[in-house]
Amino acid sequence: MISFETAKALKEAGLEWEPKLGDLFNTLECIEAGNTSFCIWDEEIQEAYDTSGADIDGMHKGSLWLPRLDQLLAEIVKNIWGCRLSVLWIEDFPKGYECLLSRTEETEEGKWEEFAQRFVTASPEEAAAQALLWILRKEATK
């Protein structure tokens, strides 16, 4: 799972959320209080490790989405970037995860340029989230 700080930065950078079954999220008040995340399950909102339900429509507004790895990678591809996710090893021990973005774009002069950006973190989710955050911020400056 990505950090709450990264999830907040993604939201501020413009990542939109349409709630679906299986999504993880949290309210900002719960994050500040150190409480658990919530999961959408069978059209009810349930605590990730509990079974108490709540109203989906009322609760997801103003909440912080915690996208899964598959959702992060889908957003990267949706933004027309190539992505390679790999494990970095030192001898037989994983050191971290790398998300390598690449894309070829035509410049204003009609030339083609290759763009690449590398993100290395302790988890694959965080690496993909940092890559998506970079894309969203790059797109916002265009």
Protein backbone atom coordinates (compact mmCIF):
# COMPACT_ATOMS: atom_id res chain seq x y z
CA MET A 1 0.00 0.00 0.00
CA ILE A 2 1.23 3.51 -0.79
CA SER A 3 1.82 6.02 1.99
CA PHE A 4 -0.91 8.46 2.98
CA GLU A 5 1.46 11.30 2.05
CA THR A 6 1.84 9.95 -1.49
CA ALA A 7 -1.91 9.35 -1.81
CA LYS A 8 -2.56 12.94 -0.74
CA ALA A 9 0.02 14.26 -3.23
CA LEU A 10 -1.60 12.20 -6.03
CA LYS A 11 -5.00 13.64 -5.18
CA GLU A 12 -3.60 17.20 -5.10
CA ALA A 13 -1.89 16.57 -8.46
CA GLY A 14 -5.26 15.73 -10.01
CA LEU A 15 -5.67 11.94 -9.78
CA GLU A 16 -9.41 11.33 -9.94
CA TRP A 17 -11.20 8.46 -8.21
CA GLU A 18 -14.36 6.66 -9.26
CA PRO A 19 -15.04 4.26 -6.35
CA LYS A 20 -15.14 0.58 -7.31
CA LEU A 21 -15.42 -2.65 -5.38
CA GLY A 22 -12.12 -3.54 -3.73
CA ASP A 23 -10.80 0.04 -3.56
CA LEU A 24 -8.95 1.07 -0.44
CA PHE A 25 -9.37 4.57 0.96
CA ASN A 26 -9.36 6.55 4.15
CA THR A 27 -10.83 9.79 5.40
CA LEU A 28 -8.41 12.55 6.30
CA GLU A 29 -9.81 12.60 9.84
CA CYS A 30 -9.11 8.87 10.27
CA ILE A 31 -5.58 9.27 8.92
CA GLU A 32 -4.83 12.03 11.42
CA ALA A 33 -6.22 9.83 14.22
CA GLY A 34 -4.11 6.87 13.05
CA ASN A 35 -7.12 4.65 12.26
CA THR A 36 -7.34 1.82 9.72
CA SER A 37 -8.17 2.14 6.03
CA PHE A 38 -11.53 1.29 4.52
CA CYS A 39 -12.39 -1.01 1.63
CA ILE A 40 -15.40 -0.97 -0.70
CA TRP A 41 -16.99 -4.39 -0.56
CA ASP A 42 -20.40 -5.45 -1.88
CA GLU A 43 -21.59 -1.84 -2.20
CA GLU A 44 -20.77 -1.14 1.43
CA ILE A 45 -17.71 0.47 2.89
CA GLN A 46 -15.94 -1.77 5.33
CA GLU A 47 -12.88 -1.35 7.43
CA ALA A 48 -10.02 -3.22 5.81
CA TYR A 49 -9.73 -5.63 8.75
CA ASP A 50 -13.24 -5.35 10.16
CA THR A 51 -16.77 -6.05 8.95
CA SER A 52 -18.63 -2.88 9.95
CA GLY A 53 -20.33 -1.21 6.95
CA ALA A 54 -21.13 2.38 6.02
CA ASP A 55 -22.73 4.28 3.15
CA ILE A 56 -20.52 4.38 0.04
CA ASP A 57 -21.95 7.54 -1.51
CA GLY A 58 -21.66 9.63 1.63
CA MET A 59 -18.28 8.47 2.82
CA HIS A 60 -16.05 8.46 -0.28
CA LYS A 61 -16.49 12.18 -0.91
CA GLY A 62 -13.53 14.00 0.56
CA SER A 63 -11.73 10.70 1.19
CA LEU A 64 -8.22 9.75 0.21
CA TRP A 65 -7.94 6.91 -2.33
CA LEU A 66 -5.12 4.42 -1.76
CA PRO A 67 -4.72 2.91 -5.24
CA ARG A 68 -3.41 -0.63 -5.63
CA LEU A 69 -0.41 -1.45 -7.84
CA ASP A 70 -2.60 -2.57 -10.75
CA GLN A 71 -4.56 0.70 -10.56
CA LEU A 72 -1.38 2.80 -10.46
CA LEU A 73 0.07 1.00 -13.50
CA ALA A 74 -3.23 1.42 -15.38
CA GLU A 75 -3.14 5.18 -14.74
CA ILE A 76 0.46 5.36 -16.01
CA VAL A 77 -0.48 3.55 -19.23
CA LYS A 78 -3.61 5.71 -19.59
CA ASN A 79 -1.29 8.73 -19.68
CA ILE A 80 0.57 7.15 -22.64
CA TRP A 81 3.78 6.23 -20.81
CA GLY A 82 5.66 2.97 -21.03
CA CYS A 83 6.48 1.48 -17.66
CA ARG A 84 8.85 -1.25 -16.48
CA LEU A 85 8.71 -2.35 -12.86
CA SER A 86 11.60 -4.43 -11.52
CA VAL A 87 13.22 -5.62 -8.31
CA LEU A 88 16.71 -4.33 -7.51
CA TRP A 89 18.93 -7.00 -5.96
CA ILE A 90 22.16 -7.02 -3.93
CA GLU A 91 23.46 -10.56 -4.02
CA ASP A 92 20.38 -12.63 -3.01
CA PHE A 93 18.50 -9.85 -1.21
CA PRO A 94 15.98 -7.44 -2.69
CA LYS A 95 17.21 -3.86 -2.23
CA GLY A 96 14.16 -2.05 -3.54
CA TYR A 97 11.94 -1.58 -6.56
CA GLU A 98 12.45 0.48 -9.67
CA CYS A 99 9.78 1.96 -11.90
CA LEU A 100 11.23 3.13 -15.20
CA LEU A 101 9.04 5.37 -17.36
CA SER A 102 9.70 5.96 -21.02
CA ARG A 103 7.99 7.72 -23.89
CA THR A 104 8.88 9.11 -27.29
CA GLU A 105 7.40 12.50 -28.11
CA GLU A 106 7.51 14.77 -31.12
CA THR A 107 8.97 18.20 -30.35
CA GLU A 108 7.73 21.51 -31.72
CA GLU A 109 10.55 21.33 -34.30
CA GLY A 110 9.20 18.00 -35.61
CA LYS A 111 12.01 15.93 -34.05
CA TRP A 112 11.44 12.87 -31.89
CA GLU A 113 12.85 12.80 -28.37
CA GLU A 114 13.04 9.91 -25.93
CA PHE A 115 12.05 10.73 -22.37
CA ALA A 116 12.91 8.46 -19.47
CA GLN A 117 12.54 8.84 -15.72
CA ARG A 118 13.53 6.41 -12.94
CA PHE A 119 11.92 5.98 -9.51
CA VAL A 120 13.41 3.72 -6.82
CA THR A 121 11.61 3.03 -3.54
CA ALA A 122 11.18 0.27 -0.95
CA SER A 123 7.89 -1.05 -2.41
CA PRO A 124 6.59 -1.58 -5.96
CA GLU A 125 3.41 0.36 -5.14
CA GLU A 126 5.36 3.39 -3.94
CA ALA A 127 7.66 3.30 -7.00
CA ALA A 128 4.66 3.26 -9.36
CA ALA A 129 2.91 5.97 -7.30
CA GLN A 130 5.96 8.24 -7.46
CA ALA A 131 6.13 7.69 -11.23
CA LEU A 132 2.44 8.56 -11.63
CA LEU A 133 2.87 11.63 -9.43
CA TRP A 134 5.72 12.80 -11.67
CA ILE A 135 3.53 12.29 -14.77
CA LEU A 136 0.59 14.21 -13.29
CA ARG A 137 2.84 17.11 -12.27
CA LYS A 138 4.53 17.11 -15.70
CA GLU A 139 1.15 17.20 -17.46
CA ALA A 140 -0.04 20.05 -15.20
CA THR A 141 2.87 22.26 -16.34
CA LYS A 142 2.01 21.91 -20.05
